[in-house]
Amino acid sequence: MKIGVAYKGLSRKGGGDECRLGYNDKSWSLQRSVSQCSVFHDNQWTVISAPSSPRIGVYLDWPAGSLSFYSVSHTMTLLHRFNISFTEPLYPGFSVGLHSGVTISHLTPCDH
């Protein structure tokens, strides 16, 4: 499963890196498999440590240039943060495999 964001210009047809979330300079993504979790941007990836949780949170602070991925359970654990000067609007993107799916939920941050 892959979840991420992309500029509108990301190609959506074909099978090359120009169409894949995180494999180009137009998108950022987190990929989770059974054995590992990685983040991708511009065809570079980093394997990250991630707690076992089926829920992933994505938080975008566009003006601040911050894109964060979280593991969501009874708490939210930061998995990775990209710090980038975004140049255009971003759109959500998903890539799911066989026997997997995506549910979009809105979480409201609360003050503690």
PDB file of N, CA and C in Angstrom:
ATOM      1  N   MET A   1       0.836  -1.154   0.000  1.00  0.00           N
ATOM      2  CA  MET A   1       0.000   0.000   0.000  1.00  0.00           C
ATOM      3  C   MET A   1       0.892   1.232   0.000  1.00  0.00           C
ATOM      4  N   LYS A   2       0.515   2.201  -0.816  1.00  0.00           N
ATOM      5  CA  LYS A   2       1.220   3.480  -0.858  1.00  0.00           C
ATOM      6  C   LYS A   2       0.212   4.592  -0.668  1.00  0.00           C
ATOM      7  N   ILE A   3       0.612   5.591   0.090  1.00  0.00           N
ATOM      8  CA  ILE A   3      -0.215   6.772   0.286  1.00  0.00           C
ATOM      9  C   ILE A   3       0.701   7.982   0.173  1.00  0.00           C
ATOM     10  N   GLY A   4       0.200   9.038  -0.443  1.00  0.00           N
ATOM     11  CA  GLY A   4       1.052  10.205  -0.592  1.00  0.00           C
ATOM     12  C   GLY A   4       0.324  11.381  -1.190  1.00  0.00           C
ATOM     13  N   VAL A   5       1.097  12.340  -1.638  1.00  0.00           N
ATOM     14  CA  VAL A   5       0.549  13.532  -2.290  1.00  0.00           C
ATOM     15  C   VAL A   5       1.361  13.810  -3.545  1.00  0.00           C
ATOM     16  N   ALA A   6       0.716  14.522  -4.484  1.00  0.00           N
ATOM     17  CA  ALA A   6       1.385  14.810  -5.751  1.00  0.00           C
ATOM     18  C   ALA A   6       0.893  16.130  -6.316  1.00  0.00           C
ATOM     19  N   TYR A   7       1.754  16.745  -7.114  1.00  0.00           N
ATOM     20  CA  TYR A   7       1.335  17.893  -7.905  1.00  0.00           C
ATOM     21  C   TYR A   7       0.418  17.403  -9.023  1.00  0.00           C
ATOM     22  N   LYS A   8      -0.409  18.298  -9.518  1.00  0.00           N
ATOM     23  CA  LYS A   8      -1.359  17.957 -10.577  1.00  0.00           C
ATOM     24  C   LYS A   8      -0.660  17.396 -11.816  1.00  0.00           C
ATOM     25  N   GLY A   9       0.564  17.827 -12.071  1.00  0.00           N
ATOM     26  CA  GLY A   9       1.289  17.413 -13.262  1.00  0.00           C
ATOM     27  C   GLY A   9       1.800  15.984 -13.259  1.00  0.00           C
ATOM     28  N   LEU A  10       1.605  15.241 -12.164  1.00  0.00           N
ATOM     29  CA  LEU A  10       2.049  13.849 -12.131  1.00  0.00           C
ATOM     30  C   LEU A  10       1.268  13.055 -13.169  1.00  0.00           C
ATOM     31  N   SER A  11       1.966  12.378 -14.053  1.00  0.00           N
ATOM     32  CA  SER A  11       1.317  11.565 -15.074  1.00  0.00           C
ATOM     33  C   SER A  11       0.576  10.409 -14.413  1.00  0.00           C
ATOM     34  N   ARG A  12      -0.628  10.109 -14.903  1.00  0.00           N
ATOM     35  CA  ARG A  12      -1.421   9.019 -14.336  1.00  0.00           C
ATOM     36  C   ARG A  12      -1.601   7.867 -15.313  1.00  0.00           C
ATOM     37  N   LYS A  13      -0.920   7.934 -16.434  1.00  0.00           N
ATOM     38  CA  LYS A  13      -1.017   6.859 -17.421  1.00  0.00           C
ATOM     39  C   LYS A  13       0.382   6.346 -17.718  1.00  0.00           C
ATOM     40  N   GLY A  14       0.495   5.029 -17.773  1.00  0.00           N
ATOM     41  CA  GLY A  14       1.789   4.429 -18.064  1.00  0.00           C
ATOM     42  C   GLY A  14       2.312   3.658 -16.869  1.00  0.00           C
ATOM     43  N   GLY A  15       3.519   3.157 -17.008  1.00  0.00           N
ATOM     44  CA  GLY A  15       4.084   2.348 -15.939  1.00  0.00           C
ATOM     45  C   GLY A  15       5.457   2.793 -15.494  1.00  0.00           C
ATOM     46  N   GLY A  16       5.935   3.910 -16.030  1.00  0.00           N
ATOM     47  CA  GLY A  16       7.266   4.384 -15.676  1.00  0.00           C
ATOM     48  C   GLY A  16       7.283   5.169 -14.381  1.00  0.00           C
ATOM     49  N   ASP A  17       8.487   5.546 -13.960  1.00  0.00           N
ATOM     50  CA  ASP A  17       8.649   6.289 -12.713  1.00  0.00           C
ATOM     51  C   ASP A  17       7.918   7.625 -12.719  1.00  0.00           C
ATOM     52  N   GLU A  18       7.679   8.208 -13.891  1.00  0.00           N
ATOM     53  CA  GLU A  18       6.962   9.482 -13.962  1.00  0.00           C
ATOM     54  C   GLU A  18       5.509   9.351 -13.505  1.00  0.00           C
ATOM     55  N   CYS A  19       5.013   8.115 -13.359  1.00  0.00           N
ATOM     56  CA  CYS A  19       3.632   7.861 -12.933  1.00  0.00           C
ATOM     57  C   CYS A  19       3.534   7.330 -11.506  1.00  0.00           C
ATOM     58  N   ARG A  20       4.644   7.006 -10.892  1.00  0.00           N
ATOM     59  CA  ARG A  20       4.624   6.326  -9.597  1.00  0.00           C
ATOM     60  C   ARG A  20       4.816   7.312  -8.450  1.00  0.00           C
ATOM     61  N   LEU A  21       3.977   7.177  -7.429  1.00  0.00           N
ATOM     62  CA  LEU A  21       4.071   8.046  -6.254  1.00  0.00           C
ATOM     63  C   LEU A  21       5.450   7.931  -5.615  1.00  0.00           C
ATOM     64  N   GLY A  22       6.134   9.062  -5.511  1.00  0.00           N
ATOM     65  CA  GLY A  22       7.424   9.105  -4.842  1.00  0.00           C
ATOM     66  C   GLY A  22       8.624   8.850  -5.729  1.00  0.00           C
ATOM     67  N   TYR A  23       8.408   8.408  -6.949  1.00  0.00           N
ATOM     68  CA  TYR A  23       9.525   8.070  -7.830  1.00  0.00           C
ATOM     69  C   TYR A  23       9.910   9.219  -8.761  1.00  0.00           C
ATOM     70  N   ASN A  24       9.497  10.427  -8.437  1.00  0.00           N
ATOM     71  CA  ASN A  24       9.752  11.594  -9.282  1.00  0.00           C
ATOM     72  C   ASN A  24       9.725  12.839  -8.405  1.00  0.00           C
ATOM     73  N   ASP A  25      10.012  13.995  -9.000  1.00  0.00           N
ATOM     74  CA  ASP A  25      10.045  15.240  -8.219  1.00  0.00           C
ATOM     75  C   ASP A  25       8.673  15.884  -8.059  1.00  0.00           C
ATOM     76  N   LYS A  26       7.613  15.192  -8.496  1.00  0.00           N
ATOM     77  CA  LYS A  26       6.252  15.723  -8.401  1.00  0.00           C
ATOM     78  C   LYS A  26       5.422  15.052  -7.308  1.00  0.00           C
ATOM     79  N   SER A  27       6.021  14.138  -6.542  1.00  0.00           N
ATOM     80  CA  SER A  27       5.230  13.409  -5.550  1.00  0.00           C
ATOM     81  C   SER A  27       6.079  12.932  -4.371  1.00  0.00           C
ATOM     82  N   TRP A  28       5.377  12.677  -3.266  1.00  0.00           N
ATOM     83  CA  TRP A  28       5.964  12.192  -2.018  1.00  0.00           C
ATOM     84  C   TRP A  28       5.070  11.068  -1.521  1.00  0.00           C
ATOM     85  N   SER A  29       5.647  10.000  -0.973  1.00  0.00           N
ATOM     86  CA  SER A  29       4.791   8.899  -0.528  1.00  0.00           C
ATOM     87  C   SER A  29       5.415   8.103   0.610  1.00  0.00           C
ATOM     88  N   LEU A  30       4.536   7.352   1.252  1.00  0.00           N
ATOM     89  CA  LEU A  30       4.929   6.362   2.245  1.00  0.00           C
ATOM     90  C   LEU A  30       4.424   5.026   1.730  1.00  0.00           C
ATOM     91  N   GLN A  31       5.290   4.020   1.738  1.00  0.00           N
ATOM     92  CA  GLN A  31       4.907   2.684   1.297  1.00  0.00           C
ATOM     93  C   GLN A  31       5.061   1.726   2.460  1.00  0.00           C
ATOM     94  N   ARG A  32       4.010   0.961   2.685  1.00  0.00           N
ATOM     95  CA  ARG A  32       4.042  -0.035   3.754  1.00  0.00           C
ATOM     96  C   ARG A  32       3.824  -1.409   3.140  1.00  0.00           C
ATOM     97  N   SER A  33       4.716  -2.332   3.476  1.00  0.00           N
ATOM     98  CA  SER A  33       4.549  -3.728   3.071  1.00  0.00           C
ATOM     99  C   SER A  33       4.509  -4.565   4.346  1.00  0.00           C
ATOM    100  N   VAL A  34       4.403  -5.853   4.189  1.00  0.00           N
ATOM    101  CA  VAL A  34       4.357  -6.736   5.352  1.00  0.00           C
ATOM    102  C   VAL A  34       5.644  -6.625   6.161  1.00  0.00           C
ATOM    103  N   SER A  35       6.772  -6.473   5.477  1.00  0.00           N
ATOM    104  CA  SER A  35       8.058  -6.530   6.167  1.00  0.00           C
ATOM    105  C   SER A  35       8.701  -5.183   6.485  1.00  0.00           C
ATOM    106  N   GLN A  36       8.294  -4.090   5.785  1.00  0.00           N
ATOM    107  CA  GLN A  36       8.948  -2.812   6.069  1.00  0.00           C
ATOM    108  C   GLN A  36       8.091  -1.628   5.652  1.00  0.00           C
ATOM    109  N   CYS A  37       8.565  -0.454   6.061  1.00  0.00           N
ATOM    110  CA  CYS A  37       7.905   0.807   5.746  1.00  0.00           C
ATOM    111  C   CYS A  37       8.984   1.747   5.206  1.00  0.00           C
ATOM    112  N   SER A  38       8.672   2.445   4.096  1.00  0.00           N
ATOM    113  CA  SER A  38       9.643   3.345   3.470  1.00  0.00           C
ATOM    114  C   SER A  38       8.951   4.617   3.015  1.00  0.00           C
ATOM    115  N   VAL A  39       9.724   5.701   2.942  1.00  0.00           N
ATOM    116  CA  VAL A  39       9.227   6.950   2.363  1.00  0.00           C
ATOM    117  C   VAL A  39       9.998   7.205   1.071  1.00  0.00           C
ATOM    118  N   PHE A  40       9.317   7.835   0.109  1.00  0.00           N
ATOM    119  CA  PHE A  40       9.872   8.038  -1.224  1.00  0.00           C
ATOM    120  C   PHE A  40       9.673   9.471  -1.689  1.00  0.00           C
ATOM    121  N   HIS A  41      10.677  10.016  -2.368  1.00  0.00           N
ATOM    122  CA  HIS A  41      10.559  11.275  -3.121  1.00  0.00           C
ATOM    123  C   HIS A  41      11.701  11.342  -4.124  1.00  0.00           C
ATOM    124  N   ASP A  42      11.370  11.736  -5.348  1.00  0.00           N
ATOM    125  CA  ASP A  42      12.355  11.948  -6.414  1.00  0.00           C
ATOM    126  C   ASP A  42      13.250  10.724  -6.626  1.00  0.00           C
ATOM    127  N   ASN A  43      12.614   9.544  -6.611  1.00  0.00           N
ATOM    128  CA  ASN A  43      13.275   8.262  -6.847  1.00  0.00           C
ATOM    129  C   ASN A  43      14.335   7.927  -5.795  1.00  0.00           C
ATOM    130  N   GLN A  44      14.205   8.516  -4.620  1.00  0.00           N
ATOM    131  CA  GLN A  44      15.064   8.165  -3.494  1.00  0.00           C
ATOM    132  C   GLN A  44      14.163   7.701  -2.358  1.00  0.00           C
ATOM    133  N   TRP A  45      14.590   6.700  -1.627  1.00  0.00           N
ATOM    134  CA  TRP A  45      13.767   6.182  -0.549  1.00  0.00           C
ATOM    135  C   TRP A  45      14.593   5.938   0.691  1.00  0.00           C
ATOM    136  N   THR A  46      13.868   5.943   1.801  1.00  0.00           N
ATOM    137  CA  THR A  46      14.459   5.698   3.107  1.00  0.00           C
ATOM    138  C   THR A  46      13.583   4.702   3.845  1.00  0.00           C
ATOM    139  N   VAL A  47      14.170   3.619   4.318  1.00  0.00           N
ATOM    140  CA  VAL A  47      13.444   2.664   5.151  1.00  0.00           C
ATOM    141  C   VAL A  47      13.319   3.279   6.533  1.00  0.00           C
ATOM    142  N   ILE A  48      12.113   3.237   7.098  1.00  0.00           N
ATOM    143  CA  ILE A  48      11.877   3.832   8.413  1.00  0.00           C
ATOM    144  C   ILE A  48      11.313   2.792   9.367  1.00  0.00           C
ATOM    145  N   SER A  49      11.497   3.041  10.638  1.00  0.00           N
ATOM    146  CA  SER A  49      10.916   2.205  11.681  1.00  0.00           C
ATOM    147  C   SER A  49       9.470   2.641  11.876  1.00  0.00           C
ATOM    148  N   ALA A  50       8.563   1.682  11.930  1.00  0.00           N
ATOM    149  CA  ALA A  50       7.150   2.030  12.071  1.00  0.00           C
ATOM    150  C   ALA A  50       6.439   1.014  12.950  1.00  0.00           C
ATOM    151  N   PRO A  51       5.664   1.507  13.921  1.00  0.00           N
ATOM    152  CA  PRO A  51       4.872   0.579  14.724  1.00  0.00           C
ATOM    153  C   PRO A  51       3.833  -0.119  13.849  1.00  0.00           C
ATOM    154  N   SER A  52       3.427  -1.283  14.271  1.00  0.00           N
ATOM    155  CA  SER A  52       2.433  -2.038  13.516  1.00  0.00           C
ATOM    156  C   SER A  52       1.048  -1.443  13.745  1.00  0.00           C
ATOM    157  N   SER A  53       0.552  -0.722  12.771  1.00  0.00           N
ATOM    158  CA  SER A  53      -0.786  -0.139  12.831  1.00  0.00           C
ATOM    159  C   SER A  53      -1.335  -0.086  11.414  1.00  0.00           C
ATOM    160  N   PRO A  54      -2.589  -0.481  11.227  1.00  0.00           N
ATOM    161  CA  PRO A  54      -3.153  -0.442   9.876  1.00  0.00           C
ATOM    162  C   PRO A  54      -3.548   0.966   9.423  1.00  0.00           C
ATOM    163  N   ARG A  55      -3.479   1.933  10.325  1.00  0.00           N
ATOM    164  CA  ARG A  55      -3.905   3.290   9.979  1.00  0.00           C
ATOM    165  C   ARG A  55      -2.703   4.220   9.842  1.00  0.00           C
ATOM    166  N   ILE A  56      -2.685   4.961   8.733  1.00  0.00           N
ATOM    167  CA  ILE A  56      -1.640   5.940   8.464  1.00  0.00           C
ATOM    168  C   ILE A  56      -2.299   7.310   8.358  1.00  0.00           C
ATOM    169  N   GLY A  57      -1.743   8.279   9.056  1.00  0.00           N
ATOM    170  CA  GLY A  57      -2.227   9.653   8.976  1.00  0.00           C
ATOM    171  C   GLY A  57      -1.276  10.491   8.140  1.00  0.00           C
ATOM    172  N   VAL A  58      -1.838  11.413   7.379  1.00  0.00           N
ATOM    173  CA  VAL A  58      -1.046  12.335   6.562  1.00  0.00           C
ATOM    174  C   VAL A  58      -1.454  13.745   6.953  1.00  0.00           C
ATOM    175  N   TYR A  59      -0.471  14.577   7.295  1.00  0.00           N
ATOM    176  CA  TYR A  59      -0.744  15.969   7.651  1.00  0.00           C
ATOM    177  C   TYR A  59       0.103  16.865   6.765  1.00  0.00           C
ATOM    178  N   LEU A  60      -0.557  17.759   6.052  1.00  0.00           N
ATOM    179  CA  LEU A  60       0.124  18.692   5.169  1.00  0.00           C
ATOM    180  C   LEU A  60      -0.046  20.107   5.700  1.00  0.00           C
ATOM    181  N   ASP A  61       1.061  20.771   5.971  1.00  0.00           N
ATOM    182  CA  ASP A  61       1.059  22.199   6.305  1.00  0.00           C
ATOM    183  C   ASP A  61       1.743  22.887   5.126  1.00  0.00           C
ATOM    184  N   TRP A  62       0.956  23.192   4.101  1.00  0.00           N
ATOM    185  CA  TRP A  62       1.490  23.713   2.843  1.00  0.00           C
ATOM    186  C   TRP A  62       2.274  25.007   3.035  1.00  0.00           C
ATOM    187  N   PRO A  63       1.722  26.014   3.764  1.00  0.00           N
ATOM    188  CA  PRO A  63       2.484  27.265   3.917  1.00  0.00           C
ATOM    189  C   PRO A  63       3.830  27.064   4.620  1.00  0.00           C
ATOM    190  N   ALA A  64       3.882  26.131   5.569  1.00  0.00           N
ATOM    191  CA  ALA A  64       5.123  25.882   6.310  1.00  0.00           C
ATOM    192  C   ALA A  64       6.062  24.934   5.556  1.00  0.00           C
ATOM    193  N   GLY A  65       5.563  24.290   4.489  1.00  0.00           N
ATOM    194  CA  GLY A  65       6.390  23.351   3.734  1.00  0.00           C
ATOM    195  C   GLY A  65       6.647  22.058   4.475  1.00  0.00           C
ATOM    196  N   SER A  66       5.612  21.543   5.146  1.00  0.00           N
ATOM    197  CA  SER A  66       5.774  20.339   5.952  1.00  0.00           C
ATOM    198  C   SER A  66       4.736  19.285   5.554  1.00  0.00           C
ATOM    199  N   LEU A  67       5.212  18.088   5.241  1.00  0.00           N
ATOM    200  CA  LEU A  67       4.357  16.942   4.945  1.00  0.00           C
ATOM    201  C   LEU A  67       4.753  15.830   5.908  1.00  0.00           C
ATOM    202  N   SER A  68       3.808  15.420   6.766  1.00  0.00           N
ATOM    203  CA  SER A  68       4.109  14.441   7.813  1.00  0.00           C
ATOM    204  C   SER A  68       3.252  13.196   7.662  1.00  0.00           C
ATOM    205  N   PHE A  69       3.850  12.052   7.926  1.00  0.00           N
ATOM    206  CA  PHE A  69       3.151  10.772   7.941  1.00  0.00           C
ATOM    207  C   PHE A  69       3.170  10.242   9.374  1.00  0.00           C
ATOM    208  N   TYR A  70       2.021   9.754   9.832  1.00  0.00           N
ATOM    209  CA  TYR A  70       1.870   9.257  11.199  1.00  0.00           C
ATOM    210  C   TYR A  70       1.309   7.846  11.202  1.00  0.00           C
ATOM    211  N   SER A  71       1.709   7.072  12.186  1.00  0.00           N
ATOM    212  CA  SER A  71       1.039   5.827  12.511  1.00  0.00           C
ATOM    213  C   SER A  71      -0.059   6.198  13.502  1.00  0.00           C
ATOM    214  N   VAL A  72      -1.290   5.756  13.225  1.00  0.00           N
ATOM    215  CA  VAL A  72      -2.428   6.153  14.054  1.00  0.00           C
ATOM    216  C   VAL A  72      -3.006   4.924  14.743  1.00  0.00           C
ATOM    217  N   SER A  73      -3.030   4.960  16.067  1.00  0.00           N
ATOM    218  CA  SER A  73      -3.716   3.953  16.874  1.00  0.00           C
ATOM    219  C   SER A  73      -4.426   4.734  17.969  1.00  0.00           C
ATOM    220  N   HIS A  74      -4.253   4.390  19.224  1.00  0.00           N
ATOM    221  CA  HIS A  74      -4.813   5.223  20.290  1.00  0.00           C
ATOM    222  C   HIS A  74      -3.989   6.499  20.457  1.00  0.00           C
ATOM    223  N   THR A  75      -2.793   6.516  19.868  1.00  0.00           N
ATOM    224  CA  THR A  75      -1.956   7.718  19.808  1.00  0.00           C
ATOM    225  C   THR A  75      -1.475   7.890  18.365  1.00  0.00           C
ATOM    226  N   MET A  76      -0.914   9.055  18.077  1.00  0.00           N
ATOM    227  CA  MET A  76      -0.321   9.302  16.764  1.00  0.00           C
ATOM    228  C   MET A  76       1.193   9.350  16.931  1.00  0.00           C
ATOM    229  N   THR A  77       1.898   8.536  16.157  1.00  0.00           N
ATOM    230  CA  THR A  77       3.353   8.480  16.214  1.00  0.00           C
ATOM    231  C   THR A  77       3.915   8.973  14.888  1.00  0.00           C
ATOM    232  N   LEU A  78       4.754  10.001  14.944  1.00  0.00           N
ATOM    233  CA  LEU A  78       5.362  10.528  13.727  1.00  0.00           C
ATOM    234  C   LEU A  78       6.282   9.477  13.117  1.00  0.00           C
ATOM    235  N   LEU A  79       6.055   9.174  11.840  1.00  0.00           N
ATOM    236  CA  LEU A  79       6.905   8.233  11.117  1.00  0.00           C
ATOM    237  C   LEU A  79       7.982   8.954  10.319  1.00  0.00           C
ATOM    238  N   HIS A  80       7.576  10.026   9.630  1.00  0.00           N
ATOM    239  CA  HIS A  80       8.529  10.775   8.808  1.00  0.00           C
ATOM    240  C   HIS A  80       7.938  12.135   8.458  1.00  0.00           C
ATOM    241  N   ARG A  81       8.822  13.115   8.323  1.00  0.00           N
ATOM    242  CA  ARG A  81       8.394  14.456   7.904  1.00  0.00           C
ATOM    243  C   ARG A  81       9.294  14.919   6.764  1.00  0.00           C
ATOM    244  N   PHE A  82       8.666  15.351   5.665  1.00  0.00           N
ATOM    245  CA  PHE A  82       9.383  16.013   4.576  1.00  0.00           C
ATOM    246  C   PHE A  82       9.268  17.510   4.809  1.00  0.00           C
ATOM    247  N   ASN A  83      10.357  18.237   4.679  1.00  0.00           N
ATOM    248  CA  ASN A  83      10.347  19.698   4.758  1.00  0.00           C
ATOM    249  C   ASN A  83      10.729  20.227   3.382  1.00  0.00           C
ATOM    250  N   ILE A  84       9.751  20.846   2.707  1.00  0.00           N
ATOM    251  CA  ILE A  84       9.915  21.227   1.309  1.00  0.00           C
ATOM    252  C   ILE A  84       9.198  22.541   1.059  1.00  0.00           C
ATOM    253  N   SER A  85       9.711  23.354   0.179  1.00  0.00           N
ATOM    254  CA  SER A  85       8.992  24.548  -0.273  1.00  0.00           C
ATOM    255  C   SER A  85       8.112  24.126  -1.441  1.00  0.00           C
ATOM    256  N   PHE A  86       6.845  23.863  -1.154  1.00  0.00           N
ATOM    257  CA  PHE A  86       5.920  23.441  -2.201  1.00  0.00           C
ATOM    258  C   PHE A  86       5.664  24.601  -3.154  1.00  0.00           C
ATOM    259  N   THR A  87       5.490  24.290  -4.431  1.00  0.00           N
ATOM    260  CA  THR A  87       5.344  25.336  -5.446  1.00  0.00           C
ATOM    261  C   THR A  87       3.971  25.381  -6.088  1.00  0.00           C
ATOM    262  N   GLU A  88       3.114  24.403  -5.793  1.00  0.00           N
ATOM    263  CA  GLU A  88       1.763  24.374  -6.355  1.00  0.00           C
ATOM    264  C   GLU A  88       0.887  23.505  -5.462  1.00  0.00           C
ATOM    265  N   PRO A  89      -0.434  23.523  -5.696  1.00  0.00           N
ATOM    266  CA  PRO A  89      -1.325  22.699  -4.867  1.00  0.00           C
ATOM    267  C   PRO A  89      -0.970  21.213  -4.958  1.00  0.00           C
ATOM    268  N   LEU A  90      -1.269  20.496  -3.879  1.00  0.00           N
ATOM    269  CA  LEU A  90      -1.013  19.058  -3.803  1.00  0.00           C
ATOM    270  C   LEU A  90      -2.330  18.299  -3.738  1.00  0.00           C
ATOM    271  N   TYR A  91      -2.319  17.090  -4.273  1.00  0.00           N
ATOM    272  CA  TYR A  91      -3.504  16.241  -4.319  1.00  0.00           C
ATOM    273  C   TYR A  91      -3.164  14.887  -3.714  1.00  0.00           C
ATOM    274  N   PRO A  92      -4.138  14.239  -3.027  1.00  0.00           N
ATOM    275  CA  PRO A  92      -3.857  12.926  -2.439  1.00  0.00           C
ATOM    276  C   PRO A  92      -3.698  11.866  -3.516  1.00  0.00           C
ATOM    277  N   GLY A  93      -2.875  10.869  -3.215  1.00  0.00           N
ATOM    278  CA  GLY A  93      -2.692   9.743  -4.123  1.00  0.00           C
ATOM    279  C   GLY A  93      -2.585   8.453  -3.336  1.00  0.00           C
ATOM    280  N   PHE A  94      -3.079   7.375  -3.930  1.00  0.00           N
ATOM    281  CA  PHE A  94      -3.079   6.068  -3.281  1.00  0.00           C
ATOM    282  C   PHE A  94      -2.710   4.998  -4.295  1.00  0.00           C
ATOM    283  N   SER A  95      -2.067   3.980  -3.829  1.00  0.00           N
ATOM    284  CA  SER A  95      -1.779   2.805  -4.642  1.00  0.00           C
ATOM    285  C   SER A  95      -1.989   1.603  -3.734  1.00  0.00           C
ATOM    286  N   VAL A  96      -2.920   0.758  -4.106  1.00  0.00           N
ATOM    287  CA  VAL A  96      -3.236  -0.396  -3.259  1.00  0.00           C
ATOM    288  C   VAL A  96      -2.976  -1.681  -4.028  1.00  0.00           C
ATOM    289  N   GLY A  97      -2.651  -2.704  -3.303  1.00  0.00           N
ATOM    290  CA  GLY A  97      -2.406  -4.010  -3.904  1.00  0.00           C
ATOM    291  C   GLY A  97      -3.620  -4.908  -3.748  1.00  0.00           C
ATOM    292  N   LEU A  98      -3.438  -6.131  -4.142  1.00  0.00           N
ATOM    293  CA  LEU A  98      -4.470  -7.140  -4.035  1.00  0.00           C
ATOM    294  C   LEU A  98      -4.839  -7.352  -2.564  1.00  0.00           C
ATOM    295  N   HIS A  99      -6.112  -7.438  -2.265  1.00  0.00           N
ATOM    296  CA  HIS A  99      -6.626  -7.669  -0.911  1.00  0.00           C
ATOM    297  C   HIS A  99      -6.314  -6.525   0.053  1.00  0.00           C
ATOM    298  N   SER A 100      -6.207  -5.310  -0.450  1.00  0.00           N
ATOM    299  CA  SER A 100      -6.019  -4.154   0.425  1.00  0.00           C
ATOM    300  C   SER A 100      -6.920  -3.033  -0.066  1.00  0.00           C
ATOM    301  N   GLY A 101      -7.077  -2.017   0.740  1.00  0.00           N
ATOM    302  CA  GLY A 101      -7.947  -0.911   0.370  1.00  0.00           C
ATOM    303  C   GLY A 101      -7.594   0.337   1.145  1.00  0.00           C
ATOM    304  N   VAL A 102      -8.310   1.406   0.837  1.00  0.00           N
ATOM    305  CA  VAL A 102      -8.082   2.700   1.470  1.00  0.00           C
ATOM    306  C   VAL A 102      -9.413   3.246   1.951  1.00  0.00           C
ATOM    307  N   THR A 103      -9.438   3.735   3.170  1.00  0.00           N
ATOM    308  CA  THR A 103     -10.582   4.455   3.711  1.00  0.00           C
ATOM    309  C   THR A 103     -10.089   5.829   4.112  1.00  0.00           C
ATOM    310  N   ILE A 104     -10.779   6.866   3.652  1.00  0.00           N
ATOM    311  CA  ILE A 104     -10.371   8.231   3.973  1.00  0.00           C
ATOM    312  C   ILE A 104     -11.193   8.720   5.157  1.00  0.00           C
ATOM    313  N   SER A 105     -10.511   9.150   6.211  1.00  0.00           N
ATOM    314  CA  SER A 105     -11.155   9.670   7.417  1.00  0.00           C
ATOM    315  C   SER A 105     -10.577  11.035   7.728  1.00  0.00           C
ATOM    316  N   HIS A 106     -11.386  11.892   8.305  1.00  0.00           N
ATOM    317  CA  HIS A 106     -10.924  13.212   8.726  1.00  0.00           C
ATOM    318  C   HIS A 106     -10.717  13.187  10.232  1.00  0.00           C
ATOM    319  N   LEU A 107      -9.511  13.486  10.677  1.00  0.00           N
ATOM    320  CA  LEU A 107      -9.213  13.569  12.105  1.00  0.00           C
ATOM    321  C   LEU A 107      -8.979  15.020  12.464  1.00  0.00           C
ATOM    322  N   THR A 108      -9.572  15.455  13.541  1.00  0.00           N
ATOM    323  CA  THR A 108      -9.391  16.821  14.004  1.00  0.00           C
ATOM    324  C   THR A 108      -8.400  16.821  15.156  1.00  0.00           C
ATOM    325  N   PRO A 109      -7.296  17.566  15.019  1.00  0.00           N
ATOM    326  CA  PRO A 109      -6.341  17.639  16.130  1.00  0.00           C
ATOM    327  C   PRO A 109      -6.993  18.278  17.350  1.00  0.00           C
ATOM    328  N   CYS A 110      -6.603  17.825  18.515  1.00  0.00           N
ATOM    329  CA  CYS A 110      -7.122  18.431  19.737  1.00  0.00           C
ATOM    330  C   CYS A 110      -5.957  18.899  20.596  1.00  0.00           C
ATOM    331  N   ASP A 111      -6.212  19.891  21.412  1.00  0.00           N
ATOM    332  CA  ASP A 111      -5.191  20.398  22.327  1.00  0.00           C
ATOM    333  C   ASP A 111      -5.239  19.597  23.620  1.00  0.00           C
ATOM    334  N   HIS A 112      -4.073  19.252  24.144  1.00  0.00           N
ATOM    335  CA  HIS A 112      -4.017  18.531  25.433  1.00  0.00           C
ATOM    336  C   HIS A 112      -3.329  19.386  26.453  1.00  0.00           C
TER     337      HIS A 112
END
